[in-house]
Amino acid sequence: MILEIADIRIKPGQQAEFDEAIQRALTTVMGRVKGAHDYSVNKCIENPERYVLQIMWDSLEAHTVGFRDSPLFAEWRSIIGPFFAGPPLVEHFELLVKGSV
């Protein structure tokens, strides 16, 4: 499994609209994407225009090829892209250690 982390900055004053849009994008688009599993979105407390999106993928290629090269990516971006202040910083991670306390 691969973890995608997208650091998203939106235009000021559009938090409520973006909150609705990203929830809609996740529920309407992500359920149809092959290779995508769990996701979460966190809002920054100190900087209300900053969000962190996390999505678990079967593989790096499931995200970078399977999703990004599909019509679903265009649909995804049409829902949330208008709110972006700039391109999101997207990186991929492999699990090293997992635990709980």
PDB file of N, CA and C in Angstrom:
ATOM      1  N   MET A   1       0.839  -1.190   0.000  1.00  0.00           N
ATOM      2  CA  MET A   1       0.000   0.000   0.000  1.00  0.00           C
ATOM      3  C   MET A   1       0.882   1.251   0.000  1.00  0.00           C
ATOM      4  N   ILE A   2       0.412   2.251  -0.675  1.00  0.00           N
ATOM      5  CA  ILE A   2       1.104   3.536  -0.784  1.00  0.00           C
ATOM      6  C   ILE A   2       0.187   4.622  -0.230  1.00  0.00           C
ATOM      7  N   LEU A   3       0.756   5.523   0.573  1.00  0.00           N
ATOM      8  CA  LEU A   3       0.011   6.655   1.112  1.00  0.00           C
ATOM      9  C   LEU A   3       0.330   7.894   0.297  1.00  0.00           C
ATOM     10  N   GLU A   4      -0.701   8.486  -0.275  1.00  0.00           N
ATOM     11  CA  GLU A   4      -0.568   9.789  -0.945  1.00  0.00           C
ATOM     12  C   GLU A   4      -0.922  10.856   0.070  1.00  0.00           C
ATOM     13  N   ILE A   5      -0.080  11.868   0.170  1.00  0.00           N
ATOM     14  CA  ILE A   5      -0.386  13.035   0.994  1.00  0.00           C
ATOM     15  C   ILE A   5      -0.363  14.252   0.080  1.00  0.00           C
ATOM     16  N   ALA A   6      -1.490  14.956   0.049  1.00  0.00           N
ATOM     17  CA  ALA A   6      -1.611  16.173  -0.754  1.00  0.00           C
ATOM     18  C   ALA A   6      -1.805  17.351   0.197  1.00  0.00           C
ATOM     19  N   ASP A   7      -0.867  18.276   0.152  1.00  0.00           N
ATOM     20  CA  ASP A   7      -0.949  19.510   0.945  1.00  0.00           C
ATOM     21  C   ASP A   7      -1.628  20.546   0.055  1.00  0.00           C
ATOM     22  N   ILE A   8      -2.854  20.894   0.419  1.00  0.00           N
ATOM     23  CA  ILE A   8      -3.691  21.757  -0.418  1.00  0.00           C
ATOM     24  C   ILE A   8      -3.856  23.118   0.245  1.00  0.00           C
ATOM     25  N   ARG A   9      -3.634  24.172  -0.525  1.00  0.00           N
ATOM     26  CA  ARG A   9      -3.898  25.546  -0.076  1.00  0.00           C
ATOM     27  C   ARG A   9      -5.017  26.098  -0.946  1.00  0.00           C
ATOM     28  N   ILE A  10      -6.044  26.628  -0.283  1.00  0.00           N
ATOM     29  CA  ILE A  10      -7.172  27.182  -1.043  1.00  0.00           C
ATOM     30  C   ILE A  10      -7.184  28.705  -0.936  1.00  0.00           C
ATOM     31  N   LYS A  11      -7.978  29.309  -1.791  1.00  0.00           N
ATOM     32  CA  LYS A  11      -8.127  30.760  -1.783  1.00  0.00           C
ATOM     33  C   LYS A  11      -8.802  31.209  -0.482  1.00  0.00           C
ATOM     34  N   PRO A  12      -8.381  32.330   0.090  1.00  0.00           N
ATOM     35  CA  PRO A  12      -8.963  32.809   1.353  1.00  0.00           C
ATOM     36  C   PRO A  12     -10.476  33.002   1.259  1.00  0.00           C
ATOM     37  N   GLY A  13     -11.138  32.684   2.372  1.00  0.00           N
ATOM     38  CA  GLY A  13     -12.571  32.927   2.481  1.00  0.00           C
ATOM     39  C   GLY A  13     -13.458  31.886   1.834  1.00  0.00           C
ATOM     40  N   GLN A  14     -12.867  30.789   1.340  1.00  0.00           N
ATOM     41  CA  GLN A  14     -13.671  29.786   0.641  1.00  0.00           C
ATOM     42  C   GLN A  14     -13.712  28.446   1.388  1.00  0.00           C
ATOM     43  N   GLN A  15     -13.435  28.472   2.687  1.00  0.00           N
ATOM     44  CA  GLN A  15     -13.362  27.236   3.451  1.00  0.00           C
ATOM     45  C   GLN A  15     -14.677  26.456   3.434  1.00  0.00           C
ATOM     46  N   ALA A  16     -15.793  27.098   3.698  1.00  0.00           N
ATOM     47  CA  ALA A  16     -17.079  26.391   3.749  1.00  0.00           C
ATOM     48  C   ALA A  16     -17.407  25.752   2.403  1.00  0.00           C
ATOM     49  N   GLU A  17     -17.162  26.477   1.326  1.00  0.00           N
ATOM     50  CA  GLU A  17     -17.440  25.950  -0.005  1.00  0.00           C
ATOM     51  C   GLU A  17     -16.498  24.804  -0.344  1.00  0.00           C
ATOM     52  N   PHE A  18     -15.224  24.937   0.035  1.00  0.00           N
ATOM     53  CA  PHE A  18     -14.266  23.860  -0.233  1.00  0.00           C
ATOM     54  C   PHE A  18     -14.589  22.630   0.613  1.00  0.00           C
ATOM     55  N   ASP A  19     -14.967  22.834   1.865  1.00  0.00           N
ATOM     56  CA  ASP A  19     -15.344  21.703   2.728  1.00  0.00           C
ATOM     57  C   ASP A  19     -16.424  20.859   2.045  1.00  0.00           C
ATOM     58  N   GLU A  20     -17.423  21.517   1.503  1.00  0.00           N
ATOM     59  CA  GLU A  20     -18.504  20.804   0.818  1.00  0.00           C
ATOM     60  C   GLU A  20     -17.994  20.152  -0.457  1.00  0.00           C
ATOM     61  N   ALA A  21     -17.188  20.864  -1.217  1.00  0.00           N
ATOM     62  CA  ALA A  21     -16.705  20.362  -2.508  1.00  0.00           C
ATOM     63  C   ALA A  21     -15.816  19.136  -2.343  1.00  0.00           C
ATOM     64  N   ILE A  22     -14.898  19.158  -1.381  1.00  0.00           N
ATOM     65  CA  ILE A  22     -14.003  18.009  -1.249  1.00  0.00           C
ATOM     66  C   ILE A  22     -14.752  16.793  -0.728  1.00  0.00           C
ATOM     67  N   GLN A  23     -15.722  17.012   0.144  1.00  0.00           N
ATOM     68  CA  GLN A  23     -16.542  15.882   0.595  1.00  0.00           C
ATOM     69  C   GLN A  23     -17.344  15.293  -0.560  1.00  0.00           C
ATOM     70  N   ARG A  24     -17.876  16.158  -1.395  1.00  0.00           N
ATOM     71  CA  ARG A  24     -18.632  15.696  -2.573  1.00  0.00           C
ATOM     72  C   ARG A  24     -17.722  14.959  -3.546  1.00  0.00           C
ATOM     73  N   ALA A  25     -16.525  15.494  -3.795  1.00  0.00           N
ATOM     74  CA  ALA A  25     -15.576  14.851  -4.699  1.00  0.00           C
ATOM     75  C   ALA A  25     -15.172  13.465  -4.189  1.00  0.00           C
ATOM     76  N   LEU A  26     -14.934  13.377  -2.892  1.00  0.00           N
ATOM     77  CA  LEU A  26     -14.536  12.089  -2.320  1.00  0.00           C
ATOM     78  C   LEU A  26     -15.671  11.065  -2.409  1.00  0.00           C
ATOM     79  N   THR A  27     -16.884  11.467  -2.125  1.00  0.00           N
ATOM     80  CA  THR A  27     -17.989  10.507  -2.136  1.00  0.00           C
ATOM     81  C   THR A  27     -18.452  10.155  -3.548  1.00  0.00           C
ATOM     82  N   THR A  28     -18.350  11.080  -4.489  1.00  0.00           N
ATOM     83  CA  THR A  28     -18.844  10.798  -5.840  1.00  0.00           C
ATOM     84  C   THR A  28     -17.781  10.245  -6.777  1.00  0.00           C
ATOM     85  N   VAL A  29     -16.509  10.597  -6.556  1.00  0.00           N
ATOM     86  CA  VAL A  29     -15.457  10.170  -7.478  1.00  0.00           C
ATOM     87  C   VAL A  29     -14.619   9.023  -6.899  1.00  0.00           C
ATOM     88  N   MET A  30     -14.135   9.143  -5.692  1.00  0.00           N
ATOM     89  CA  MET A  30     -13.201   8.150  -5.147  1.00  0.00           C
ATOM     90  C   MET A  30     -13.780   6.745  -5.081  1.00  0.00           C
ATOM     91  N   GLY A  31     -15.068   6.610  -4.873  1.00  0.00           N
ATOM     92  CA  GLY A  31     -15.674   5.283  -4.835  1.00  0.00           C
ATOM     93  C   GLY A  31     -15.608   4.544  -6.156  1.00  0.00           C
ATOM     94  N   ARG A  32     -15.349   5.263  -7.242  1.00  0.00           N
ATOM     95  CA  ARG A  32     -15.274   4.665  -8.584  1.00  0.00           C
ATOM     96  C   ARG A  32     -13.846   4.486  -9.065  1.00  0.00           C
ATOM     97  N   VAL A  33     -12.872   4.868  -8.246  1.00  0.00           N
ATOM     98  CA  VAL A  33     -11.467   4.803  -8.654  1.00  0.00           C
ATOM     99  C   VAL A  33     -10.873   3.461  -8.253  1.00  0.00           C
ATOM    100  N   LYS A  34     -10.322   2.738  -9.213  1.00  0.00           N
ATOM    101  CA  LYS A  34      -9.686   1.453  -8.921  1.00  0.00           C
ATOM    102  C   LYS A  34      -8.372   1.691  -8.197  1.00  0.00           C
ATOM    103  N   GLY A  35      -8.152   0.900  -7.166  1.00  0.00           N
ATOM    104  CA  GLY A  35      -6.888   0.973  -6.446  1.00  0.00           C
ATOM    105  C   GLY A  35      -6.864   1.957  -5.305  1.00  0.00           C
ATOM    106  N   ALA A  36      -7.928   2.732  -5.112  1.00  0.00           N
ATOM    107  CA  ALA A  36      -8.015   3.690  -4.002  1.00  0.00           C
ATOM    108  C   ALA A  36      -8.767   3.047  -2.855  1.00  0.00           C
ATOM    109  N   HIS A  37      -8.317   3.316  -1.647  1.00  0.00           N
ATOM    110  CA  HIS A  37      -8.952   2.720  -0.471  1.00  0.00           C
ATOM    111  C   HIS A  37      -9.340   3.820   0.510  1.00  0.00           C
ATOM    112  N   ASP A  38      -8.821   3.766   1.687  1.00  0.00           N
ATOM    113  CA  ASP A  38      -9.171   4.731   2.726  1.00  0.00           C
ATOM    114  C   ASP A  38      -8.681   6.128   2.372  1.00  0.00           C
ATOM    115  N   TYR A  39      -9.417   7.121   2.863  1.00  0.00           N
ATOM    116  CA  TYR A  39      -8.993   8.508   2.699  1.00  0.00           C
ATOM    117  C   TYR A  39      -9.370   9.294   3.939  1.00  0.00           C
ATOM    118  N   SER A  40      -8.680  10.412   4.125  1.00  0.00           N
ATOM    119  CA  SER A  40      -9.027  11.346   5.195  1.00  0.00           C
ATOM    120  C   SER A  40      -8.620  12.745   4.748  1.00  0.00           C
ATOM    121  N   VAL A  41      -9.323  13.734   5.300  1.00  0.00           N
ATOM    122  CA  VAL A  41      -9.005  15.132   5.045  1.00  0.00           C
ATOM    123  C   VAL A  41      -8.904  15.816   6.402  1.00  0.00           C
ATOM    124  N   ASN A  42      -7.827  16.554   6.603  1.00  0.00           N
ATOM    125  CA  ASN A  42      -7.645  17.320   7.831  1.00  0.00           C
ATOM    126  C   ASN A  42      -7.524  18.791   7.484  1.00  0.00           C
ATOM    127  N   LYS A  43      -8.189  19.635   8.309  1.00  0.00           N
ATOM    128  CA  LYS A  43      -8.126  21.089   8.153  1.00  0.00           C
ATOM    129  C   LYS A  43      -7.131  21.634   9.166  1.00  0.00           C
ATOM    130  N   CYS A  44      -6.331  22.580   8.734  1.00  0.00           N
ATOM    131  CA  CYS A  44      -5.338  23.189   9.616  1.00  0.00           C
ATOM    132  C   CYS A  44      -6.021  24.196  10.555  1.00  0.00           C
ATOM    133  N   ILE A  45      -5.668  24.128  11.810  1.00  0.00           N
ATOM    134  CA  ILE A  45      -6.225  25.056  12.799  1.00  0.00           C
ATOM    135  C   ILE A  45      -5.569  26.428  12.681  1.00  0.00           C
ATOM    136  N   GLU A  46      -4.249  26.456  12.573  1.00  0.00           N
ATOM    137  CA  GLU A  46      -3.525  27.734  12.524  1.00  0.00           C
ATOM    138  C   GLU A  46      -3.672  28.456  11.194  1.00  0.00           C
ATOM    139  N   ASN A  47      -3.831  27.712  10.114  1.00  0.00           N
ATOM    140  CA  ASN A  47      -3.940  28.296   8.781  1.00  0.00           C
ATOM    141  C   ASN A  47      -5.207  27.731   8.119  1.00  0.00           C
ATOM    142  N   PRO A  48      -6.337  28.421   8.214  1.00  0.00           N
ATOM    143  CA  PRO A  48      -7.612  27.862   7.761  1.00  0.00           C
ATOM    144  C   PRO A  48      -7.718  27.620   6.253  1.00  0.00           C
ATOM    145  N   GLU A  49      -6.753  28.081   5.479  1.00  0.00           N
ATOM    146  CA  GLU A  49      -6.767  27.818   4.039  1.00  0.00           C
ATOM    147  C   GLU A  49      -5.940  26.584   3.675  1.00  0.00           C
ATOM    148  N   ARG A  50      -5.436  25.863   4.673  1.00  0.00           N
ATOM    149  CA  ARG A  50      -4.583  24.700   4.412  1.00  0.00           C
ATOM    150  C   ARG A  50      -5.309  23.406   4.807  1.00  0.00           C
ATOM    151  N   TYR A  51      -5.233  22.429   3.909  1.00  0.00           N
ATOM    152  CA  TYR A  51      -5.841  21.119   4.110  1.00  0.00           C
ATOM    153  C   TYR A  51      -4.808  20.051   3.767  1.00  0.00           C
ATOM    154  N   VAL A  52      -4.908  18.904   4.427  1.00  0.00           N
ATOM    155  CA  VAL A  52      -4.073  17.756   4.099  1.00  0.00           C
ATOM    156  C   VAL A  52      -5.007  16.594   3.762  1.00  0.00           C
ATOM    157  N   LEU A  53      -4.889  16.129   2.528  1.00  0.00           N
ATOM    158  CA  LEU A  53      -5.662  14.988   2.038  1.00  0.00           C
ATOM    159  C   LEU A  53      -4.748  13.774   2.040  1.00  0.00           C
ATOM    160  N   GLN A  54      -5.233  12.660   2.592  1.00  0.00           N
ATOM    161  CA  GLN A  54      -4.484  11.407   2.593  1.00  0.00           C
ATOM    162  C   GLN A  54      -5.337  10.322   1.937  1.00  0.00           C
ATOM    163  N   ILE A  55      -4.742   9.609   0.986  1.00  0.00           N
ATOM    164  CA  ILE A  55      -5.436   8.505   0.311  1.00  0.00           C
ATOM    165  C   ILE A  55      -4.496   7.309   0.265  1.00  0.00           C
ATOM    166  N   MET A  56      -5.028   6.148   0.610  1.00  0.00           N
ATOM    167  CA  MET A  56      -4.280   4.905   0.508  1.00  0.00           C
ATOM    168  C   MET A  56      -4.536   4.292  -0.867  1.00  0.00           C
ATOM    169  N   TRP A  57      -3.458   3.897  -1.535  1.00  0.00           N
ATOM    170  CA  TRP A  57      -3.522   3.312  -2.875  1.00  0.00           C
ATOM    171  C   TRP A  57      -2.904   1.924  -2.866  1.00  0.00           C
ATOM    172  N   ASP A  58      -3.369   1.053  -3.780  1.00  0.00           N
ATOM    173  CA  ASP A  58      -2.766  -0.273  -3.953  1.00  0.00           C
ATOM    174  C   ASP A  58      -1.302  -0.158  -4.335  1.00  0.00           C
ATOM    175  N   SER A  59      -1.000   0.818  -5.189  1.00  0.00           N
ATOM    176  CA  SER A  59       0.356   1.005  -5.698  1.00  0.00           C
ATOM    177  C   SER A  59       0.526   2.455  -6.136  1.00  0.00           C
ATOM    178  N   LEU A  60       1.756   2.852  -6.359  1.00  0.00           N
ATOM    179  CA  LEU A  60       2.031   4.194  -6.870  1.00  0.00           C
ATOM    180  C   LEU A  60       1.366   4.380  -8.227  1.00  0.00           C
ATOM    181  N   GLU A  61       1.434   3.356  -9.073  1.00  0.00           N
ATOM    182  CA  GLU A  61       0.866   3.433 -10.413  1.00  0.00           C
ATOM    183  C   GLU A  61      -0.659   3.546 -10.394  1.00  0.00           C
ATOM    184  N   ALA A  62      -1.304   2.983  -9.376  1.00  0.00           N
ATOM    185  CA  ALA A  62      -2.760   3.116  -9.277  1.00  0.00           C
ATOM    186  C   ALA A  62      -3.150   4.582  -9.198  1.00  0.00           C
ATOM    187  N   HIS A  63      -2.311   5.378  -8.535  1.00  0.00           N
ATOM    188  CA  HIS A  63      -2.582   6.810  -8.435  1.00  0.00           C
ATOM    189  C   HIS A  63      -2.054   7.572  -9.645  1.00  0.00           C
ATOM    190  N   THR A  64      -0.753   7.407  -9.915  1.00  0.00           N
ATOM    191  CA  THR A  64      -0.107   8.261 -10.917  1.00  0.00           C
ATOM    192  C   THR A  64      -0.496   7.938 -12.349  1.00  0.00           C
ATOM    193  N   VAL A  65      -0.899   6.696 -12.621  1.00  0.00           N
ATOM    194  CA  VAL A  65      -1.306   6.318 -13.973  1.00  0.00           C
ATOM    195  C   VAL A  65      -2.803   6.021 -14.017  1.00  0.00           C
ATOM    196  N   GLY A  66      -3.239   5.061 -13.204  1.00  0.00           N
ATOM    197  CA  GLY A  66      -4.629   4.627 -13.239  1.00  0.00           C
ATOM    198  C   GLY A  66      -5.630   5.735 -12.990  1.00  0.00           C
ATOM    199  N   PHE A  67      -5.358   6.578 -12.000  1.00  0.00           N
ATOM    200  CA  PHE A  67      -6.286   7.669 -11.678  1.00  0.00           C
ATOM    201  C   PHE A  67      -5.988   8.918 -12.490  1.00  0.00           C
ATOM    202  N   ARG A  68      -4.752   9.370 -12.460  1.00  0.00           N
ATOM    203  CA  ARG A  68      -4.436  10.651 -13.121  1.00  0.00           C
ATOM    204  C   ARG A  68      -4.643  10.624 -14.624  1.00  0.00           C
ATOM    205  N   ASP A  69      -4.533   9.455 -15.239  1.00  0.00           N
ATOM    206  CA  ASP A  69      -4.732   9.363 -16.680  1.00  0.00           C
ATOM    207  C   ASP A  69      -6.170   8.988 -17.048  1.00  0.00           C
ATOM    208  N   SER A  70      -7.068   9.004 -16.071  1.00  0.00           N
ATOM    209  CA  SER A  70      -8.453   8.606 -16.338  1.00  0.00           C
ATOM    210  C   SER A  70      -9.377   9.827 -16.385  1.00  0.00           C
ATOM    211  N   PRO A  71     -10.564   9.665 -16.959  1.00  0.00           N
ATOM    212  CA  PRO A  71     -11.545  10.754 -16.955  1.00  0.00           C
ATOM    213  C   PRO A  71     -12.001  11.124 -15.546  1.00  0.00           C
ATOM    214  N   LEU A  72     -11.862  10.201 -14.594  1.00  0.00           N
ATOM    215  CA  LEU A  72     -12.250  10.504 -13.218  1.00  0.00           C
ATOM    216  C   LEU A  72     -11.390  11.611 -12.617  1.00  0.00           C
ATOM    217  N   PHE A  73     -10.123  11.697 -13.028  1.00  0.00           N
ATOM    218  CA  PHE A  73      -9.259  12.767 -12.515  1.00  0.00           C
ATOM    219  C   PHE A  73      -9.770  14.134 -12.959  1.00  0.00           C
ATOM    220  N   ALA A  74     -10.203  14.233 -14.205  1.00  0.00           N
ATOM    221  CA  ALA A  74     -10.758  15.508 -14.701  1.00  0.00           C
ATOM    222  C   ALA A  74     -12.022  15.866 -13.920  1.00  0.00           C
ATOM    223  N   GLU A  75     -12.836  14.873 -13.623  1.00  0.00           N
ATOM    224  CA  GLU A  75     -14.048  15.116 -12.836  1.00  0.00           C
ATOM    225  C   GLU A  75     -13.677  15.583 -11.428  1.00  0.00           C
ATOM    226  N   TRP A  76     -12.718  14.906 -10.819  1.00  0.00           N
ATOM    227  CA  TRP A  76     -12.204  15.255  -9.482  1.00  0.00           C
ATOM    228  C   TRP A  76     -11.733  16.710  -9.448  1.00  0.00           C
ATOM    229  N   ARG A  77     -10.882  17.064 -10.404  1.00  0.00           N
ATOM    230  CA  ARG A  77     -10.322  18.416 -10.450  1.00  0.00           C
ATOM    231  C   ARG A  77     -11.377  19.468 -10.761  1.00  0.00           C
ATOM    232  N   SER A  78     -12.396  19.127 -11.523  1.00  0.00           N
ATOM    233  CA  SER A  78     -13.437  20.111 -11.826  1.00  0.00           C
ATOM    234  C   SER A  78     -14.232  20.472 -10.573  1.00  0.00           C
ATOM    235  N   ILE A  79     -14.282  19.572  -9.602  1.00  0.00           N
ATOM    236  CA  ILE A  79     -15.020  19.829  -8.370  1.00  0.00           C
ATOM    237  C   ILE A  79     -14.188  20.640  -7.378  1.00  0.00           C
ATOM    238  N   ILE A  80     -12.916  20.258  -7.184  1.00  0.00           N
ATOM    239  CA  ILE A  80     -12.110  20.921  -6.146  1.00  0.00           C
ATOM    240  C   ILE A  80     -11.074  21.896  -6.678  1.00  0.00           C
ATOM    241  N   GLY A  81     -10.690  21.751  -7.926  1.00  0.00           N
ATOM    242  CA  GLY A  81      -9.635  22.589  -8.499  1.00  0.00           C
ATOM    243  C   GLY A  81      -9.891  24.085  -8.465  1.00  0.00           C
ATOM    244  N   PRO A  82     -11.133  24.544  -8.672  1.00  0.00           N
ATOM    245  CA  PRO A  82     -11.378  25.989  -8.665  1.00  0.00           C
ATOM    246  C   PRO A  82     -11.053  26.682  -7.335  1.00  0.00           C
ATOM    247  N   PHE A  83     -10.927  25.919  -6.266  1.00  0.00           N
ATOM    248  CA  PHE A  83     -10.643  26.501  -4.955  1.00  0.00           C
ATOM    249  C   PHE A  83      -9.144  26.637  -4.673  1.00  0.00           C
ATOM    250  N   PHE A  84      -8.299  25.973  -5.464  1.00  0.00           N
ATOM    251  CA  PHE A  84      -6.865  25.948  -5.189  1.00  0.00           C
ATOM    252  C   PHE A  84      -6.233  27.327  -5.339  1.00  0.00           C
ATOM    253  N   ALA A  85      -5.413  27.697  -4.368  1.00  0.00           N
ATOM    254  CA  ALA A  85      -4.621  28.927  -4.465  1.00  0.00           C
ATOM    255  C   ALA A  85      -3.382  28.685  -5.318  1.00  0.00           C
ATOM    256  N   GLY A  86      -2.989  27.445  -5.457  1.00  0.00           N
ATOM    257  CA  GLY A  86      -1.846  27.013  -6.253  1.00  0.00           C
ATOM    258  C   GLY A  86      -1.894  25.502  -6.345  1.00  0.00           C
ATOM    259  N   PRO A  87      -1.002  24.914  -7.126  1.00  0.00           N
ATOM    260  CA  PRO A  87      -1.013  23.451  -7.243  1.00  0.00           C
ATOM    261  C   PRO A  87      -0.714  22.793  -5.890  1.00  0.00           C
ATOM    262  N   PRO A  88      -1.452  21.738  -5.532  1.00  0.00           N
ATOM    263  CA  PRO A  88      -1.155  21.027  -4.289  1.00  0.00           C
ATOM    264  C   PRO A  88       0.222  20.364  -4.356  1.00  0.00           C
ATOM    265  N   LEU A  89       0.866  20.257  -3.209  1.00  0.00           N
ATOM    266  CA  LEU A  89       2.111  19.494  -3.101  1.00  0.00           C
ATOM    267  C   LEU A  89       1.696  18.056  -2.817  1.00  0.00           C
ATOM    268  N   VAL A  90       2.003  17.141  -3.732  1.00  0.00           N
ATOM    269  CA  VAL A  90       1.600  15.746  -3.602  1.00  0.00           C
ATOM    270  C   VAL A  90       2.846  14.877  -3.519  1.00  0.00           C
ATOM    271  N   GLU A  91       2.885  14.026  -2.478  1.00  0.00           N
ATOM    272  CA  GLU A  91       3.994  13.090  -2.290  1.00  0.00           C
ATOM    273  C   GLU A  91       3.424  11.740  -1.888  1.00  0.00           C
ATOM    274  N   HIS A  92       4.231  10.706  -2.096  1.00  0.00           N
ATOM    275  CA  HIS A  92       3.819   9.337  -1.819  1.00  0.00           C
ATOM    276  C   HIS A  92       4.762   8.713  -0.801  1.00  0.00           C
ATOM    277  N   PHE A  93       4.194   7.874   0.077  1.00  0.00           N
ATOM    278  CA  PHE A  93       4.955   7.299   1.193  1.00  0.00           C
ATOM    279  C   PHE A  93       4.688   5.808   1.314  1.00  0.00           C
ATOM    280  N   GLU A  94       5.723   5.078   1.760  1.00  0.00           N
ATOM    281  CA  GLU A  94       5.589   3.676   2.110  1.00  0.00           C
ATOM    282  C   GLU A  94       5.607   3.558   3.624  1.00  0.00           C
ATOM    283  N   LEU A  95       4.834   2.642   4.157  1.00  0.00           N
ATOM    284  CA  LEU A  95       4.766   2.445   5.603  1.00  0.00           C
ATOM    285  C   LEU A  95       6.075   1.873   6.115  1.00  0.00           C
ATOM    286  N   LEU A  96       6.605   2.474   7.144  1.00  0.00           N
ATOM    287  CA  LEU A  96       7.807   1.980   7.804  1.00  0.00           C
ATOM    288  C   LEU A  96       7.461   1.306   9.127  1.00  0.00           C
ATOM    289  N   VAL A  97       6.682   1.992   9.947  1.00  0.00           N
ATOM    290  CA  VAL A  97       6.296   1.460  11.257  1.00  0.00           C
ATOM    291  C   VAL A  97       4.865   1.873  11.545  1.00  0.00           C
ATOM    292  N   LYS A  98       4.091   0.973  12.156  1.00  0.00           N
ATOM    293  CA  LYS A  98       2.732   1.307  12.563  1.00  0.00           C
ATOM    294  C   LYS A  98       2.516   0.753  13.964  1.00  0.00           C
ATOM    295  N   GLY A  99       1.825   1.495  14.781  1.00  0.00           N
ATOM    296  CA  GLY A  99       1.555   1.049  16.141  1.00  0.00           C
ATOM    297  C   GLY A  99       0.479   1.878  16.772  1.00  0.00           C
ATOM    298  N   SER A 100       0.229   1.619  18.020  1.00  0.00           N
ATOM    299  CA  SER A 100      -0.724   2.426  18.777  1.00  0.00           C
ATOM    300  C   SER A 100      -0.254   2.488  20.221  1.00  0.00           C
ATOM    301  N   VAL A 101      -0.696   3.503  20.927  1.00  0.00           N
ATOM    302  CA  VAL A 101      -0.337   3.670  22.336  1.00  0.00           C
ATOM    303  C   VAL A 101      -1.581   3.827  23.165  1.00  0.00           C
TER     304      VAL A 101
END
